[in-house]
Amino acid sequence: MMTSFFVGKASEIPEGEKKIVVANGRSIGVYNIEGQFFAIRNTCPHQGAALCTGITTAFINSSGPGNFVHEREGEIVRCPWHQWEFDIKTGHMIVDPKKRTKSYDVTVERFDVSVEESEIYVHL
């Protein structure tokens, strides 16, 4: 059975931003990507760096020399130590999808009372 951990109000994590929390002794980065919330373990599987403190960037695609296109803006996190890049939505490494960081299910719990803000929970 999964355990739910309160992360905060949805309004505390605007689009394109993240919040790092500790849940059950694990450091987790919770990201808002275009209004959807995703959570990954804040540990790079390479050498244990605080992965979510790295920059959030895009996937850079190229059809040839000097021709670069940014795709999936804000969906990639780059490790601050050795620049390994991971897909925030899946936890998989961009270059080698067999390597990954743990990803977690996230729900935004909504309440019937209109004065209440949405609350975010991470399920471990």
PDB file of N, CA and C in Angstrom:
ATOM      1  N   MET A   1       0.838  -1.187   0.000  1.00  0.00           N
ATOM      2  CA  MET A   1       0.000   0.000   0.000  1.00  0.00           C
ATOM      3  C   MET A   1       0.880   1.247   0.000  1.00  0.00           C
ATOM      4  N   MET A   2       0.528   2.196  -0.844  1.00  0.00           N
ATOM      5  CA  MET A   2       1.303   3.430  -0.926  1.00  0.00           C
ATOM      6  C   MET A   2       0.937   4.371   0.216  1.00  0.00           C
ATOM      7  N   THR A   3       1.916   5.123   0.662  1.00  0.00           N
ATOM      8  CA  THR A   3       1.717   6.136   1.674  1.00  0.00           C
ATOM      9  C   THR A   3       1.693   7.491   0.992  1.00  0.00           C
ATOM     10  N   SER A   4       0.766   8.351   1.404  1.00  0.00           N
ATOM     11  CA  SER A   4       0.659   9.690   0.822  1.00  0.00           C
ATOM     12  C   SER A   4       1.337  10.704   1.731  1.00  0.00           C
ATOM     13  N   PHE A   5       2.090  11.621   1.116  1.00  0.00           N
ATOM     14  CA  PHE A   5       2.768  12.681   1.855  1.00  0.00           C
ATOM     15  C   PHE A   5       2.335  14.025   1.307  1.00  0.00           C
ATOM     16  N   PHE A   6       1.914  14.910   2.214  1.00  0.00           N
ATOM     17  CA  PHE A   6       1.493  16.252   1.817  1.00  0.00           C
ATOM     18  C   PHE A   6       2.709  17.051   1.374  1.00  0.00           C
ATOM     19  N   VAL A   7       2.638  17.633   0.185  1.00  0.00           N
ATOM     20  CA  VAL A   7       3.735  18.425  -0.374  1.00  0.00           C
ATOM     21  C   VAL A   7       3.492  19.907  -0.157  1.00  0.00           C
ATOM     22  N   GLY A   8       2.264  20.355  -0.367  1.00  0.00           N
ATOM     23  CA  GLY A   8       1.929  21.767  -0.232  1.00  0.00           C
ATOM     24  C   GLY A   8       0.769  22.109  -1.132  1.00  0.00           C
ATOM     25  N   LYS A   9       0.426  23.367  -1.163  1.00  0.00           N
ATOM     26  CA  LYS A   9      -0.641  23.858  -2.034  1.00  0.00           C
ATOM     27  C   LYS A   9      -0.137  23.909  -3.468  1.00  0.00           C
ATOM     28  N   ALA A  10      -1.008  23.616  -4.417  1.00  0.00           N
ATOM     29  CA  ALA A  10      -0.634  23.671  -5.832  1.00  0.00           C
ATOM     30  C   ALA A  10      -0.131  25.061  -6.206  1.00  0.00           C
ATOM     31  N   SER A  11      -0.682  26.086  -5.588  1.00  0.00           N
ATOM     32  CA  SER A  11      -0.273  27.468  -5.893  1.00  0.00           C
ATOM     33  C   SER A  11       1.159  27.768  -5.446  1.00  0.00           C
ATOM     34  N   GLU A  12       1.731  26.924  -4.592  1.00  0.00           N
ATOM     35  CA  GLU A  12       3.112  27.121  -4.132  1.00  0.00           C
ATOM     36  C   GLU A  12       4.143  26.692  -5.174  1.00  0.00           C
ATOM     37  N   ILE A  13       3.696  25.948  -6.189  1.00  0.00           N
ATOM     38  CA  ILE A  13       4.608  25.492  -7.241  1.00  0.00           C
ATOM     39  C   ILE A  13       4.043  25.964  -8.583  1.00  0.00           C
ATOM     40  N   PRO A  14       4.373  27.188  -8.995  1.00  0.00           N
ATOM     41  CA  PRO A  14       3.865  27.695 -10.274  1.00  0.00           C
ATOM     42  C   PRO A  14       4.393  26.876 -11.448  1.00  0.00           C
ATOM     43  N   GLU A  15       3.747  26.999 -12.603  1.00  0.00           N
ATOM     44  CA  GLU A  15       4.207  26.300 -13.808  1.00  0.00           C
ATOM     45  C   GLU A  15       5.670  26.603 -14.071  1.00  0.00           C
ATOM     46  N   GLY A  16       6.426  25.553 -14.394  1.00  0.00           N
ATOM     47  CA  GLY A  16       7.848  25.713 -14.684  1.00  0.00           C
ATOM     48  C   GLY A  16       8.735  25.731 -13.451  1.00  0.00           C
ATOM     49  N   GLU A  17       8.152  25.567 -12.275  1.00  0.00           N
ATOM     50  CA  GLU A  17       8.919  25.600 -11.028  1.00  0.00           C
ATOM     51  C   GLU A  17       8.905  24.227 -10.366  1.00  0.00           C
ATOM     52  N   LYS A  18       9.701  24.104  -9.305  1.00  0.00           N
ATOM     53  CA  LYS A  18       9.773  22.855  -8.547  1.00  0.00           C
ATOM     54  C   LYS A  18       9.841  23.169  -7.062  1.00  0.00           C
ATOM     55  N   LYS A  19       9.576  22.156  -6.267  1.00  0.00           N
ATOM     56  CA  LYS A  19       9.725  22.250  -4.818  1.00  0.00           C
ATOM     57  C   LYS A  19      10.379  20.954  -4.368  1.00  0.00           C
ATOM     58  N   ILE A  20      11.425  21.073  -3.562  1.00  0.00           N
ATOM     59  CA  ILE A  20      12.103  19.889  -3.034  1.00  0.00           C
ATOM     60  C   ILE A  20      11.597  19.651  -1.615  1.00  0.00           C
ATOM     61  N   VAL A  21      11.133  18.424  -1.364  1.00  0.00           N
ATOM     62  CA  VAL A  21      10.581  18.061  -0.064  1.00  0.00           C
ATOM     63  C   VAL A  21      11.243  16.779   0.424  1.00  0.00           C
ATOM     64  N   VAL A  22      11.086  16.496   1.704  1.00  0.00           N
ATOM     65  CA  VAL A  22      11.542  15.225   2.266  1.00  0.00           C
ATOM     66  C   VAL A  22      10.297  14.455   2.690  1.00  0.00           C
ATOM     67  N   ALA A  23      10.147  13.252   2.143  1.00  0.00           N
ATOM     68  CA  ALA A  23       9.012  12.392   2.462  1.00  0.00           C
ATOM     69  C   ALA A  23       9.548  11.025   2.851  1.00  0.00           C
ATOM     70  N   ASN A  24       9.235  10.617   4.067  1.00  0.00           N
ATOM     71  CA  ASN A  24       9.675   9.309   4.561  1.00  0.00           C
ATOM     72  C   ASN A  24      11.197   9.151   4.450  1.00  0.00           C
ATOM     73  N   GLY A  25      11.921  10.226   4.735  1.00  0.00           N
ATOM     74  CA  GLY A  25      13.377  10.202   4.705  1.00  0.00           C
ATOM     75  C   GLY A  25      13.987  10.328   3.323  1.00  0.00           C
ATOM     76  N   ARG A  26      13.163  10.503   2.286  1.00  0.00           N
ATOM     77  CA  ARG A  26      13.653  10.628   0.909  1.00  0.00           C
ATOM     78  C   ARG A  26      13.492  12.061   0.427  1.00  0.00           C
ATOM     79  N   SER A  27      14.545  12.592  -0.179  1.00  0.00           N
ATOM     80  CA  SER A  27      14.461  13.917  -0.789  1.00  0.00           C
ATOM     81  C   SER A  27      13.862  13.750  -2.183  1.00  0.00           C
ATOM     82  N   ILE A  28      12.805  14.511  -2.452  1.00  0.00           N
ATOM     83  CA  ILE A  28      12.046  14.377  -3.700  1.00  0.00           C
ATOM     84  C   ILE A  28      11.813  15.756  -4.303  1.00  0.00           C
ATOM     85  N   GLY A  29      11.993  15.857  -5.624  1.00  0.00           N
ATOM     86  CA  GLY A  29      11.674  17.088  -6.341  1.00  0.00           C
ATOM     87  C   GLY A  29      10.306  16.955  -6.976  1.00  0.00           C
ATOM     88  N   VAL A  30       9.418  17.907  -6.686  1.00  0.00           N
ATOM     89  CA  VAL A  30       8.072  17.919  -7.259  1.00  0.00           C
ATOM     90  C   VAL A  30       8.017  19.071  -8.255  1.00  0.00           C
ATOM     91  N   TYR A  31       7.721  18.761  -9.515  1.00  0.00           N
ATOM     92  CA  TYR A  31       7.760  19.722 -10.618  1.00  0.00           C
ATOM     93  C   TYR A  31       6.359  19.992 -11.152  1.00  0.00           C
ATOM     94  N   ASN A  32       6.103  21.239 -11.539  1.00  0.00           N
ATOM     95  CA  ASN A  32       4.876  21.619 -12.225  1.00  0.00           C
ATOM     96  C   ASN A  32       5.234  21.849 -13.688  1.00  0.00           C
ATOM     97  N   ILE A  33       4.826  20.929 -14.556  1.00  0.00           N
ATOM     98  CA  ILE A  33       5.075  21.045 -15.993  1.00  0.00           C
ATOM     99  C   ILE A  33       3.730  21.254 -16.670  1.00  0.00           C
ATOM    100  N   GLU A  34       3.497  22.478 -17.108  1.00  0.00           N
ATOM    101  CA  GLU A  34       2.252  22.847 -17.795  1.00  0.00           C
ATOM    102  C   GLU A  34       1.014  22.426 -17.011  1.00  0.00           C
ATOM    103  N   GLY A  35       1.042  22.648 -15.695  1.00  0.00           N
ATOM    104  CA  GLY A  35      -0.113  22.362 -14.854  1.00  0.00           C
ATOM    105  C   GLY A  35      -0.220  20.930 -14.371  1.00  0.00           C
ATOM    106  N   GLN A  36       0.684  20.059 -14.794  1.00  0.00           N
ATOM    107  CA  GLN A  36       0.711  18.680 -14.299  1.00  0.00           C
ATOM    108  C   GLN A  36       1.892  18.537 -13.348  1.00  0.00           C
ATOM    109  N   PHE A  37       1.712  17.748 -12.299  1.00  0.00           N
ATOM    110  CA  PHE A  37       2.754  17.588 -11.298  1.00  0.00           C
ATOM    111  C   PHE A  37       3.439  16.234 -11.443  1.00  0.00           C
ATOM    112  N   PHE A  38       4.775  16.265 -11.338  1.00  0.00           N
ATOM    113  CA  PHE A  38       5.606  15.067 -11.438  1.00  0.00           C
ATOM    114  C   PHE A  38       6.610  15.101 -10.296  1.00  0.00           C
ATOM    115  N   ALA A  39       6.982  13.927  -9.797  1.00  0.00           N
ATOM    116  CA  ALA A  39       7.932  13.853  -8.688  1.00  0.00           C
ATOM    117  C   ALA A  39       9.010  12.824  -8.995  1.00  0.00           C
ATOM    118  N   ILE A  40      10.269  13.218  -8.740  1.00  0.00           N
ATOM    119  CA  ILE A  40      11.396  12.301  -8.918  1.00  0.00           C
ATOM    120  C   ILE A  40      12.296  12.362  -7.691  1.00  0.00           C
ATOM    121  N   ARG A  41      13.017  11.294  -7.473  1.00  0.00           N
ATOM    122  CA  ARG A  41      13.978  11.229  -6.371  1.00  0.00           C
ATOM    123  C   ARG A  41      15.075  12.251  -6.608  1.00  0.00           C
ATOM    124  N   ASN A  42      15.435  12.970  -5.586  1.00  0.00           N
ATOM    125  CA  ASN A  42      16.442  14.022  -5.680  1.00  0.00           C
ATOM    126  C   ASN A  42      17.846  13.434  -5.530  1.00  0.00           C
ATOM    127  N   THR A  43      18.096  12.333  -6.215  1.00  0.00           N
ATOM    128  CA  THR A  43      19.400  11.677  -6.156  1.00  0.00           C
ATOM    129  C   THR A  43      19.771  11.188  -7.544  1.00  0.00           C
ATOM    130  N   CYS A  44      20.901  11.653  -8.062  1.00  0.00           N
ATOM    131  CA  CYS A  44      21.381  11.175  -9.354  1.00  0.00           C
ATOM    132  C   CYS A  44      21.942   9.767  -9.161  1.00  0.00           C
ATOM    133  N   PRO A  45      21.547   8.803  -9.997  1.00  0.00           N
ATOM    134  CA  PRO A  45      22.043   7.437  -9.833  1.00  0.00           C
ATOM    135  C   PRO A  45      23.523   7.285 -10.170  1.00  0.00           C
ATOM    136  N   HIS A  46      24.129   8.294 -10.764  1.00  0.00           N
ATOM    137  CA  HIS A  46      25.540   8.219 -11.145  1.00  0.00           C
ATOM    138  C   HIS A  46      26.441   8.259  -9.911  1.00  0.00           C
ATOM    139  N   GLN A  47      26.397   9.385  -9.174  1.00  0.00           N
ATOM    140  CA  GLN A  47      27.247   9.500  -7.984  1.00  0.00           C
ATOM    141  C   GLN A  47      26.541  10.162  -6.806  1.00  0.00           C
ATOM    142  N   GLY A  48      25.214  10.189  -6.842  1.00  0.00           N
ATOM    143  CA  GLY A  48      24.453  10.634  -5.683  1.00  0.00           C
ATOM    144  C   GLY A  48      24.249  12.120  -5.517  1.00  0.00           C
ATOM    145  N   ALA A  49      24.496  12.914  -6.542  1.00  0.00           N
ATOM    146  CA  ALA A  49      24.287  14.364  -6.442  1.00  0.00           C
ATOM    147  C   ALA A  49      22.812  14.670  -6.203  1.00  0.00           C
ATOM    148  N   ALA A  50      22.553  15.844  -5.630  1.00  0.00           N
ATOM    149  CA  ALA A  50      21.178  16.319  -5.450  1.00  0.00           C
ATOM    150  C   ALA A  50      20.641  16.723  -6.825  1.00  0.00           C
ATOM    151  N   LEU A  51      20.076  15.759  -7.531  1.00  0.00           N
ATOM    152  CA  LEU A  51      19.675  15.909  -8.926  1.00  0.00           C
ATOM    153  C   LEU A  51      18.766  17.110  -9.161  1.00  0.00           C
ATOM    154  N   CYS A  52      17.799  17.307  -8.312  1.00  0.00           N
ATOM    155  CA  CYS A  52      16.790  18.344  -8.540  1.00  0.00           C
ATOM    156  C   CYS A  52      17.301  19.759  -8.295  1.00  0.00           C
ATOM    157  N   THR A  53      18.540  19.889  -7.815  1.00  0.00           N
ATOM    158  CA  THR A  53      19.131  21.226  -7.695  1.00  0.00           C
ATOM    159  C   THR A  53      19.774  21.650  -9.009  1.00  0.00           C
ATOM    160  N   GLY A  54      19.833  20.730  -9.977  1.00  0.00           N
ATOM    161  CA  GLY A  54      20.356  21.047 -11.306  1.00  0.00           C
ATOM    162  C   GLY A  54      19.348  21.864 -12.095  1.00  0.00           C
ATOM    163  N   ILE A  55      19.779  22.357 -13.254  1.00  0.00           N
ATOM    164  CA  ILE A  55      18.886  23.191 -14.051  1.00  0.00           C
ATOM    165  C   ILE A  55      17.820  22.344 -14.740  1.00  0.00           C
ATOM    166  N   THR A  56      16.663  22.954 -14.913  1.00  0.00           N
ATOM    167  CA  THR A  56      15.583  22.357 -15.687  1.00  0.00           C
ATOM    168  C   THR A  56      15.703  22.931 -17.085  1.00  0.00           C
ATOM    169  N   THR A  57      15.700  22.072 -18.085  1.00  0.00           N
ATOM    170  CA  THR A  57      16.010  22.506 -19.441  1.00  0.00           C
ATOM    171  C   THR A  57      15.111  21.797 -20.449  1.00  0.00           C
ATOM    172  N   ALA A  58      15.492  21.875 -21.712  1.00  0.00           N
ATOM    173  CA  ALA A  58      14.756  21.233 -22.804  1.00  0.00           C
ATOM    174  C   ALA A  58      15.587  20.102 -23.385  1.00  0.00           C
ATOM    175  N   PHE A  59      14.936  19.268 -24.183  1.00  0.00           N
ATOM    176  CA  PHE A  59      15.641  18.271 -24.977  1.00  0.00           C
ATOM    177  C   PHE A  59      16.094  18.987 -26.243  1.00  0.00           C
ATOM    178  N   ILE A  60      17.374  18.885 -26.564  1.00  0.00           N
ATOM    179  CA  ILE A  60      17.905  19.549 -27.753  1.00  0.00           C
ATOM    180  C   ILE A  60      18.081  18.512 -28.847  1.00  0.00           C
ATOM    181  N   ASN A  61      17.368  18.712 -29.944  1.00  0.00           N
ATOM    182  CA  ASN A  61      17.389  17.789 -31.072  1.00  0.00           C
ATOM    183  C   ASN A  61      18.105  18.463 -32.235  1.00  0.00           C
ATOM    184  N   SER A  62      18.708  17.675 -33.106  1.00  0.00           N
ATOM    185  CA  SER A  62      19.428  18.228 -34.246  1.00  0.00           C
ATOM    186  C   SER A  62      19.215  17.356 -35.476  1.00  0.00           C
ATOM    187  N   SER A  63      18.920  18.014 -36.592  1.00  0.00           N
ATOM    188  CA  SER A  63      18.794  17.287 -37.854  1.00  0.00           C
ATOM    189  C   SER A  63      20.079  17.384 -38.670  1.00  0.00           C
ATOM    190  N   GLY A  64      21.074  18.096 -38.115  1.00  0.00           N
ATOM    191  CA  GLY A  64      22.351  18.246 -38.803  1.00  0.00           C
ATOM    192  C   GLY A  64      23.211  19.276 -38.107  1.00  0.00           C
ATOM    193  N   PRO A  65      24.470  19.394 -38.507  1.00  0.00           N
ATOM    194  CA  PRO A  65      25.384  20.353 -37.881  1.00  0.00           C
ATOM    195  C   PRO A  65      24.827  21.780 -37.911  1.00  0.00           C
ATOM    196  N   GLY A  66      24.849  22.419 -36.755  1.00  0.00           N
ATOM    197  CA  GLY A  66      24.404  23.804 -36.641  1.00  0.00           C
ATOM    198  C   GLY A  66      22.901  23.989 -36.627  1.00  0.00           C
ATOM    199  N   ASN A  67      22.131  22.917 -36.712  1.00  0.00           N
ATOM    200  CA  ASN A  67      20.675  23.005 -36.720  1.00  0.00           C
ATOM    201  C   ASN A  67      20.141  22.362 -35.440  1.00  0.00           C
ATOM    202  N   PHE A  68      19.762  23.204 -34.477  1.00  0.00           N
ATOM    203  CA  PHE A  68      19.308  22.705 -33.184  1.00  0.00           C
ATOM    204  C   PHE A  68      17.885  23.168 -32.908  1.00  0.00           C
ATOM    205  N   VAL A  69      17.099  22.281 -32.348  1.00  0.00           N
ATOM    206  CA  VAL A  69      15.721  22.590 -31.995  1.00  0.00           C
ATOM    207  C   VAL A  69      15.509  22.200 -30.535  1.00  0.00           C
ATOM    208  N   HIS A  70      14.958  23.124 -29.742  1.00  0.00           N
ATOM    209  CA  HIS A  70      14.608  22.820 -28.356  1.00  0.00           C
ATOM    210  C   HIS A  70      13.219  22.205 -28.339  1.00  0.00           C
ATOM    211  N   GLU A  71      13.115  21.029 -27.763  1.00  0.00           N
ATOM    212  CA  GLU A  71      11.845  20.327 -27.627  1.00  0.00           C
ATOM    213  C   GLU A  71      11.628  20.000 -26.152  1.00  0.00           C
ATOM    214  N   ARG A  72      10.383  19.849 -25.762  1.00  0.00           N
ATOM    215  CA  ARG A  72      10.033  19.436 -24.399  1.00  0.00           C
ATOM    216  C   ARG A  72      10.641  20.382 -23.359  1.00  0.00           C
ATOM    217  N   GLU A  73      10.487  21.666 -23.593  1.00  0.00           N
ATOM    218  CA  GLU A  73      11.016  22.696 -22.690  1.00  0.00           C
ATOM    219  C   GLU A  73      10.512  22.462 -21.267  1.00  0.00           C
ATOM    220  N   GLY A  74      11.431  22.478 -20.295  1.00  0.00           N
ATOM    221  CA  GLY A  74      11.084  22.323 -18.892  1.00  0.00           C
ATOM    222  C   GLY A  74      10.813  20.900 -18.444  1.00  0.00           C
ATOM    223  N   GLU A  75      11.087  19.909 -19.296  1.00  0.00           N
ATOM    224  CA  GLU A  75      10.815  18.512 -18.947  1.00  0.00           C
ATOM    225  C   GLU A  75      12.069  17.711 -18.633  1.00  0.00           C
ATOM    226  N   ILE A  76      13.233  18.340 -18.711  1.00  0.00           N
ATOM    227  CA  ILE A  76      14.501  17.648 -18.506  1.00  0.00           C
ATOM    228  C   ILE A  76      15.241  18.315 -17.347  1.00  0.00           C
ATOM    229  N   VAL A  77      15.786  17.510 -16.436  1.00  0.00           N
ATOM    230  CA  VAL A  77      16.626  18.052 -15.364  1.00  0.00           C
ATOM    231  C   VAL A  77      18.051  17.560 -15.599  1.00  0.00           C
ATOM    232  N   ARG A  78      18.998  18.478 -15.431  1.00  0.00           N
ATOM    233  CA  ARG A  78      20.416  18.176 -15.664  1.00  0.00           C
ATOM    234  C   ARG A  78      21.142  18.127 -14.324  1.00  0.00           C
ATOM    235  N   CYS A  79      21.798  17.011 -14.045  1.00  0.00           N
ATOM    236  CA  CYS A  79      22.543  16.843 -12.796  1.00  0.00           C
ATOM    237  C   CYS A  79      23.601  17.938 -12.667  1.00  0.00           C
ATOM    238  N   PRO A  80      23.696  18.562 -11.496  1.00  0.00           N
ATOM    239  CA  PRO A  80      24.663  19.651 -11.325  1.00  0.00           C
ATOM    240  C   PRO A  80      26.120  19.193 -11.290  1.00  0.00           C
ATOM    241  N   TRP A  81      26.385  17.913 -11.069  1.00  0.00           N
ATOM    242  CA  TRP A  81      27.770  17.450 -10.979  1.00  0.00           C
ATOM    243  C   TRP A  81      28.367  17.085 -12.326  1.00  0.00           C
ATOM    244  N   HIS A  82      27.706  16.209 -13.081  1.00  0.00           N
ATOM    245  CA  HIS A  82      28.306  15.694 -14.319  1.00  0.00           C
ATOM    246  C   HIS A  82      27.402  15.853 -15.535  1.00  0.00           C
ATOM    247  N   GLN A  83      26.355  16.640 -15.399  1.00  0.00           N
ATOM    248  CA  GLN A  83      25.461  17.014 -16.505  1.00  0.00           C
ATOM    249  C   GLN A  83      24.633  15.863 -17.078  1.00  0.00           C
ATOM    250  N   TRP A  84      24.489  14.773 -16.350  1.00  0.00           N
ATOM    251  CA  TRP A  84      23.596  13.711 -16.825  1.00  0.00           C
ATOM    252  C   TRP A  84      22.185  14.291 -16.856  1.00  0.00           C
ATOM    253  N   GLU A  85      21.407  13.974 -17.898  1.00  0.00           N
ATOM    254  CA  GLU A  85      20.069  14.531 -18.056  1.00  0.00           C
ATOM    255  C   GLU A  85      19.000  13.450 -17.906  1.00  0.00           C
ATOM    256  N   PHE A  86      17.910  13.815 -17.211  1.00  0.00           N
ATOM    257  CA  PHE A  86      16.822  12.888 -16.931  1.00  0.00           C
ATOM    258  C   PHE A  86      15.486  13.506 -17.308  1.00  0.00           C
ATOM    259  N   ASP A  87      14.594  12.654 -17.800  1.00  0.00           N
ATOM    260  CA  ASP A  87      13.227  13.046 -18.125  1.00  0.00           C
ATOM    261  C   ASP A  87      12.454  13.149 -16.809  1.00  0.00           C
ATOM    262  N   ILE A  88      11.958  14.327 -16.492  1.00  0.00           N
ATOM    263  CA  ILE A  88      11.250  14.537 -15.233  1.00  0.00           C
ATOM    264  C   ILE A  88       9.962  13.713 -15.183  1.00  0.00           C
ATOM    265  N   LYS A  89       9.319  13.513 -16.315  1.00  0.00           N
ATOM    266  CA  LYS A  89       8.046  12.791 -16.338  1.00  0.00           C
ATOM    267  C   LYS A  89       8.204  11.296 -16.074  1.00  0.00           C
ATOM    268  N   THR A  90       9.346  10.721 -16.448  1.00  0.00           N
ATOM    269  CA  THR A  90       9.526   9.268 -16.302  1.00  0.00           C
ATOM    270  C   THR A  90      10.664   8.873 -15.372  1.00  0.00           C
ATOM    271  N   GLY A  91      11.614   9.780 -15.144  1.00  0.00           N
ATOM    272  CA  GLY A  91      12.798   9.461 -14.353  1.00  0.00           C
ATOM    273  C   GLY A  91      13.916   8.846 -15.168  1.00  0.00           C
ATOM    274  N   HIS A  92      13.677   8.533 -16.441  1.00  0.00           N
ATOM    275  CA  HIS A  92      14.680   7.874 -17.283  1.00  0.00           C
ATOM    276  C   HIS A  92      15.754   8.850 -17.755  1.00  0.00           C
ATOM    277  N   MET A  93      16.982   8.333 -17.832  1.00  0.00           N
ATOM    278  CA  MET A  93      18.096   9.110 -18.366  1.00  0.00           C
ATOM    279  C   MET A  93      17.873   9.322 -19.861  1.00  0.00           C
ATOM    280  N   ILE A  94      18.204  10.499 -20.368  1.00  0.00           N
ATOM    281  CA  ILE A  94      17.982  10.820 -21.777  1.00  0.00           C
ATOM    282  C   ILE A  94      18.856   9.960 -22.686  1.00  0.00           C
ATOM    283  N   VAL A  95      20.144   9.843 -22.402  1.00  0.00           N
ATOM    284  CA  VAL A  95      21.075   9.123 -23.272  1.00  0.00           C
ATOM    285  C   VAL A  95      20.914   7.610 -23.154  1.00  0.00           C
ATOM    286  N   ASP A  96      20.684   7.115 -21.949  1.00  0.00           N
ATOM    287  CA  ASP A  96      20.555   5.677 -21.717  1.00  0.00           C
ATOM    288  C   ASP A  96      19.314   5.417 -20.865  1.00  0.00           C
ATOM    289  N   PRO A  97      18.145   5.211 -21.495  1.00  0.00           N
ATOM    290  CA  PRO A  97      16.899   5.041 -20.743  1.00  0.00           C
ATOM    291  C   PRO A  97      16.891   3.871 -19.761  1.00  0.00           C
ATOM    292  N   LYS A  98      17.881   2.973 -19.834  1.00  0.00           N
ATOM    293  CA  LYS A  98      17.958   1.878 -18.861  1.00  0.00           C
ATOM    294  C   LYS A  98      18.359   2.405 -17.487  1.00  0.00           C
ATOM    295  N   LYS A  99      19.067   3.535 -17.468  1.00  0.00           N
ATOM    296  CA  LYS A  99      19.435   4.173 -16.205  1.00  0.00           C
ATOM    297  C   LYS A  99      18.324   5.155 -15.863  1.00  0.00           C
ATOM    298  N   ARG A 100      17.978   5.187 -14.579  1.00  0.00           N
ATOM    299  CA  ARG A 100      16.899   6.086 -14.203  1.00  0.00           C
ATOM    300  C   ARG A 100      16.995   6.457 -12.739  1.00  0.00           C
ATOM    301  N   THR A 101      16.308   7.528 -12.401  1.00  0.00           N
ATOM    302  CA  THR A 101      16.099   7.881 -11.012  1.00  0.00           C
ATOM    303  C   THR A 101      14.657   7.495 -10.695  1.00  0.00           C
ATOM    304  N   LYS A 102      14.343   7.296  -9.455  1.00  0.00           N
ATOM    305  CA  LYS A 102      12.997   6.878  -9.063  1.00  0.00           C
ATOM    306  C   LYS A 102      12.004   7.994  -9.363  1.00  0.00           C
ATOM    307  N   SER A 103      10.874   7.632  -9.970  1.00  0.00           N
ATOM    308  CA  SER A 103       9.782   8.589 -10.155  1.00  0.00           C
ATOM    309  C   SER A 103       8.626   8.139  -9.271  1.00  0.00           C
ATOM    310  N   TYR A 104       7.780   9.076  -8.894  1.00  0.00           N
ATOM    311  CA  TYR A 104       6.683   8.794  -7.976  1.00  0.00           C
ATOM    312  C   TYR A 104       5.362   9.265  -8.560  1.00  0.00           C
ATOM    313  N   ASP A 105       4.279   8.594  -8.182  1.00  0.00           N
ATOM    314  CA  ASP A 105       2.943   9.037  -8.560  1.00  0.00           C
ATOM    315  C   ASP A 105       2.601  10.289  -7.766  1.00  0.00           C
ATOM    316  N   VAL A 106       1.931  11.227  -8.425  1.00  0.00           N
ATOM    317  CA  VAL A 106       1.538  12.480  -7.780  1.00  0.00           C
ATOM    318  C   VAL A 106       0.064  12.718  -8.055  1.00  0.00           C
ATOM    319  N   THR A 107      -0.667  13.136  -7.042  1.00  0.00           N
ATOM    320  CA  THR A 107      -2.050  13.548  -7.252  1.00  0.00           C
ATOM    321  C   THR A 107      -2.251  14.927  -6.651  1.00  0.00           C
ATOM    322  N   VAL A 108      -3.173  15.655  -7.220  1.00  0.00           N
ATOM    323  CA  VAL A 108      -3.579  16.930  -6.645  1.00  0.00           C
ATOM    324  C   VAL A 108      -4.971  16.705  -6.082  1.00  0.00           C
ATOM    325  N   GLU A 109      -5.056  16.723  -4.769  1.00  0.00           N
ATOM    326  CA  GLU A 109      -6.336  16.495  -4.109  1.00  0.00           C
ATOM    327  C   GLU A 109      -7.131  17.795  -4.129  1.00  0.00           C
ATOM    328  N   ARG A 110      -8.351  17.724  -4.589  1.00  0.00           N
ATOM    329  CA  ARG A 110      -9.208  18.906  -4.650  1.00  0.00           C
ATOM    330  C   ARG A 110     -10.319  18.757  -3.612  1.00  0.00           C
ATOM    331  N   PHE A 111     -10.754  19.883  -3.094  1.00  0.00           N
ATOM    332  CA  PHE A 111     -11.776  19.890  -2.062  1.00  0.00           C
ATOM    333  C   PHE A 111     -13.031  20.572  -2.577  1.00  0.00           C
ATOM    334  N   ASP A 112     -14.180  20.153  -2.072  1.00  0.00           N
ATOM    335  CA  ASP A 112     -15.452  20.719  -2.499  1.00  0.00           C
ATOM    336  C   ASP A 112     -15.628  22.164  -2.054  1.00  0.00           C
ATOM    337  N   VAL A 113     -15.008  22.542  -0.962  1.00  0.00           N
ATOM    338  CA  VAL A 113     -15.143  23.905  -0.458  1.00  0.00           C
ATOM    339  C   VAL A 113     -14.359  24.837  -1.364  1.00  0.00           C
ATOM    340  N   SER A 114     -15.002  25.817  -1.946  1.00  0.00           N
ATOM    341  CA  SER A 114     -14.368  26.672  -2.946  1.00  0.00           C
ATOM    342  C   SER A 114     -13.292  27.583  -2.372  1.00  0.00           C
ATOM    343  N   VAL A 115     -13.324  27.848  -1.066  1.00  0.00           N
ATOM    344  CA  VAL A 115     -12.306  28.721  -0.485  1.00  0.00           C
ATOM    345  C   VAL A 115     -10.988  27.992  -0.248  1.00  0.00           C
ATOM    346  N   GLU A 116     -10.991  26.681  -0.321  1.00  0.00           N
ATOM    347  CA  GLU A 116      -9.771  25.890  -0.116  1.00  0.00           C
ATOM    348  C   GLU A 116      -8.957  25.838  -1.398  1.00  0.00           C
ATOM    349  N   GLU A 117      -7.636  25.881  -1.276  1.00  0.00           N
ATOM    350  CA  GLU A 117      -6.763  25.709  -2.429  1.00  0.00           C
ATOM    351  C   GLU A 117      -6.480  24.223  -2.622  1.00  0.00           C
ATOM    352  N   SER A 118      -6.059  23.869  -3.817  1.00  0.00           N
ATOM    353  CA  SER A 118      -5.685  22.481  -4.098  1.00  0.00           C
ATOM    354  C   SER A 118      -4.453  22.116  -3.280  1.00  0.00           C
ATOM    355  N   GLU A 119      -4.398  20.879  -2.837  1.00  0.00           N
ATOM    356  CA  GLU A 119      -3.252  20.389  -2.088  1.00  0.00           C
ATOM    357  C   GLU A 119      -2.597  19.260  -2.860  1.00  0.00           C
ATOM    358  N   ILE A 120      -1.268  19.186  -2.827  1.00  0.00           N
ATOM    359  CA  ILE A 120      -0.510  18.197  -3.582  1.00  0.00           C
ATOM    360  C   ILE A 120      -0.019  17.102  -2.641  1.00  0.00           C
ATOM    361  N   TYR A 121      -0.136  15.851  -3.082  1.00  0.00           N
ATOM    362  CA  TYR A 121       0.361  14.707  -2.324  1.00  0.00           C
ATOM    363  C   TYR A 121       1.268  13.866  -3.203  1.00  0.00           C
ATOM    364  N   VAL A 122       2.344  13.340  -2.622  1.00  0.00           N
ATOM    365  CA  VAL A 122       3.221  12.390  -3.302  1.00  0.00           C
ATOM    366  C   VAL A 122       2.941  11.025  -2.699  1.00  0.00           C
ATOM    367  N   HIS A 123       2.841  10.014  -3.558  1.00  0.00           N
ATOM    368  CA  HIS A 123       2.536   8.654  -3.102  1.00  0.00           C
ATOM    369  C   HIS A 123       3.762   7.773  -3.255  1.00  0.00           C
ATOM    370  N   LEU A 124       4.275   7.277  -2.136  1.00  0.00           N
ATOM    371  CA  LEU A 124       5.465   6.423  -2.141  1.00  0.00           C
ATOM    372  C   LEU A 124       5.068   4.975  -1.940  1.00  0.00           C
TER     373      LEU A 124
END
